[in-house]
């Protein structure tokens, strides 16, 4: 993986919401993986990860948990969108 700056705003993050854990991947504008990981699906855990990715586009799956997660991500000026 190449070096990156968390201040960049042209990132796209995919977020797969699981029952207990969620998996995410951050891509640059060329589609290269910058970072990926697993995070517990709890407010504090999600805040800790996604606070660092403010101003990013985030695609998350549609499901029962996607509404509150989307609202949480907007607090950090991210652009969440839900995908089926």
C-alpha atoms as a PDB file:
ATOM      1  CA  UNK A   1       0.000   0.000   0.000  1.00  0.00           C
ATOM      2  CA  UNK A   2       1.170   3.492  -0.775  1.00  0.00           C
ATOM      3  CA  UNK A   3       1.574   6.332   1.729  1.00  0.00           C
ATOM      4  CA  UNK A   4      -1.384   8.634   2.138  1.00  0.00           C
ATOM      5  CA  UNK A   5      -2.592  11.663   4.033  1.00  0.00           C
ATOM      6  CA  UNK A   6      -5.790  11.461   6.060  1.00  0.00           C
ATOM      7  CA  UNK A   7      -6.423  15.074   5.048  1.00  0.00           C
ATOM      8  CA  UNK A   8      -7.157  14.016   1.464  1.00  0.00           C
ATOM      9  CA  UNK A   9     -10.798  14.308   0.516  1.00  0.00           C
ATOM     10  CA  UNK A  10     -10.979  12.178  -2.619  1.00  0.00           C
ATOM     11  CA  UNK A  11     -11.385   8.930  -0.756  1.00  0.00           C
ATOM     12  CA  UNK A  12     -14.205   6.471  -1.133  1.00  0.00           C
ATOM     13  CA  UNK A  13     -14.887   4.126   1.749  1.00  0.00           C
ATOM     14  CA  UNK A  14     -16.939   0.959   1.510  1.00  0.00           C
ATOM     15  CA  UNK A  15     -18.582  -0.157   4.743  1.00  0.00           C
ATOM     16  CA  UNK A  16     -20.128  -3.615   5.195  1.00  0.00           C
ATOM     17  CA  UNK A  17     -22.315  -3.557   8.324  1.00  0.00           C
ATOM     18  CA  UNK A  18     -22.327  -6.840  10.213  1.00  0.00           C
ATOM     19  CA  UNK A  19     -24.253  -7.937  13.293  1.00  0.00           C
ATOM     20  CA  UNK A  20     -21.317  -7.412  15.635  1.00  0.00           C
ATOM     21  CA  UNK A  21     -18.464  -6.162  13.478  1.00  0.00           C
ATOM     22  CA  UNK A  22     -18.301  -4.087  10.340  1.00  0.00           C
ATOM     23  CA  UNK A  23     -15.617  -4.243   7.681  1.00  0.00           C
ATOM     24  CA  UNK A  24     -14.397  -1.223   5.731  1.00  0.00           C
ATOM     25  CA  UNK A  25     -11.960  -0.359   2.982  1.00  0.00           C
ATOM     26  CA  UNK A  26     -10.679   3.084   1.956  1.00  0.00           C
ATOM     27  CA  UNK A  27      -9.821   3.641  -1.724  1.00  0.00           C
ATOM     28  CA  UNK A  28      -8.087   6.564  -3.392  1.00  0.00           C
ATOM     29  CA  UNK A  29      -9.420   8.116  -6.584  1.00  0.00           C
ATOM     30  CA  UNK A  30      -7.510   5.560  -8.689  1.00  0.00           C
ATOM     31  CA  UNK A  31      -9.158   2.702  -6.781  1.00  0.00           C
ATOM     32  CA  UNK A  32      -6.044   1.661  -4.854  1.00  0.00           C
ATOM     33  CA  UNK A  33      -6.581   0.367  -1.337  1.00  0.00           C
ATOM     34  CA  UNK A  34      -5.246   2.870   1.189  1.00  0.00           C
ATOM     35  CA  UNK A  35      -6.400   1.182   4.352  1.00  0.00           C
ATOM     36  CA  UNK A  36      -8.868  -1.470   5.476  1.00  0.00           C
ATOM     37  CA  UNK A  37     -10.050  -2.896   8.728  1.00  0.00           C
ATOM     38  CA  UNK A  38     -12.676  -4.283  11.018  1.00  0.00           C
ATOM     39  CA  UNK A  39     -14.564  -2.263  13.613  1.00  0.00           C
ATOM     40  CA  UNK A  40     -17.135  -3.200  16.240  1.00  0.00           C
ATOM     41  CA  UNK A  41     -20.592  -1.957  15.296  1.00  0.00           C
ATOM     42  CA  UNK A  42     -20.849   0.348  18.307  1.00  0.00           C
ATOM     43  CA  UNK A  43     -21.069   4.124  18.296  1.00  0.00           C
ATOM     44  CA  UNK A  44     -17.727   4.779  20.025  1.00  0.00           C
ATOM     45  CA  UNK A  45     -15.833   2.293  17.875  1.00  0.00           C
ATOM     46  CA  UNK A  46     -17.282   3.692  14.638  1.00  0.00           C
ATOM     47  CA  UNK A  47     -16.568   7.253  15.791  1.00  0.00           C
ATOM     48  CA  UNK A  48     -12.939   6.398  16.503  1.00  0.00           C
ATOM     49  CA  UNK A  49     -12.386   5.041  12.985  1.00  0.00           C
ATOM     50  CA  UNK A  50     -14.475   7.407  10.888  1.00  0.00           C
ATOM     51  CA  UNK A  51     -13.563  10.640  12.678  1.00  0.00           C
ATOM     52  CA  UNK A  52     -10.255  10.320  10.832  1.00  0.00           C
ATOM     53  CA  UNK A  53     -11.998  10.074   7.460  1.00  0.00           C
ATOM     54  CA  UNK A  54     -14.073  13.254   7.527  1.00  0.00           C
ATOM     55  CA  UNK A  55     -15.041  14.602   4.113  1.00  0.00           C
ATOM     56  CA  UNK A  56     -14.928  11.159   2.526  1.00  0.00           C
ATOM     57  CA  UNK A  57     -17.558   9.460   0.415  1.00  0.00           C
ATOM     58  CA  UNK A  58     -18.816   6.400   2.248  1.00  0.00           C
ATOM     59  CA  UNK A  59     -20.914   3.670   0.657  1.00  0.00           C
ATOM     60  CA  UNK A  60     -22.734   1.449   3.107  1.00  0.00           C
ATOM     61  CA  UNK A  61     -25.160  -1.359   2.596  1.00  0.00           C
ATOM     62  CA  UNK A  62     -28.877  -0.879   3.154  1.00  0.00           C
ATOM     63  CA  UNK A  63     -30.131  -2.642   6.255  1.00  0.00           C
ATOM     64  CA  UNK A  64     -31.718  -2.170   9.643  1.00  0.00           C
ATOM     65  CA  UNK A  65     -28.608  -0.490  11.039  1.00  0.00           C
ATOM     66  CA  UNK A  66     -27.757   1.761   8.093  1.00  0.00           C
ATOM     67  CA  UNK A  67     -29.955   4.710   9.158  1.00  0.00           C
ATOM     68  CA  UNK A  68     -28.258   5.412  12.472  1.00  0.00           C
ATOM     69  CA  UNK A  69     -24.805   4.695  11.054  1.00  0.00           C
ATOM     70  CA  UNK A  70     -25.471   7.128   8.202  1.00  0.00           C
ATOM     71  CA  UNK A  71     -26.526   9.850  10.664  1.00  0.00           C
ATOM     72  CA  UNK A  72     -23.392   9.213  12.735  1.00  0.00           C
ATOM     73  CA  UNK A  73     -21.122   9.512   9.679  1.00  0.00           C
ATOM     74  CA  UNK A  74     -22.707  12.842   8.713  1.00  0.00           C
ATOM     75  CA  UNK A  75     -21.509  14.261  12.046  1.00  0.00           C
ATOM     76  CA  UNK A  76     -17.991  13.991  10.650  1.00  0.00           C
ATOM     77  CA  UNK A  77     -18.917  15.747   7.391  1.00  0.00           C
ATOM     78  CA  UNK A  78     -18.716  12.539   5.428  1.00  0.00           C
ATOM     79  CA  UNK A  79     -20.983  11.866   2.452  1.00  0.00           C
ATOM     80  CA  UNK A  80     -22.669   8.550   3.275  1.00  0.00           C
ATOM     81  CA  UNK A  81     -24.822   6.866   0.674  1.00  0.00           C
ATOM     82  CA  UNK A  82     -26.680   3.603   1.028  1.00  0.00           C
ATOM     83  CA  UNK A  83     -26.382   0.847  -1.552  1.00  0.00           C
ATOM     84  CA  UNK A  84     -28.424  -2.319  -1.891  1.00  0.00           C
END
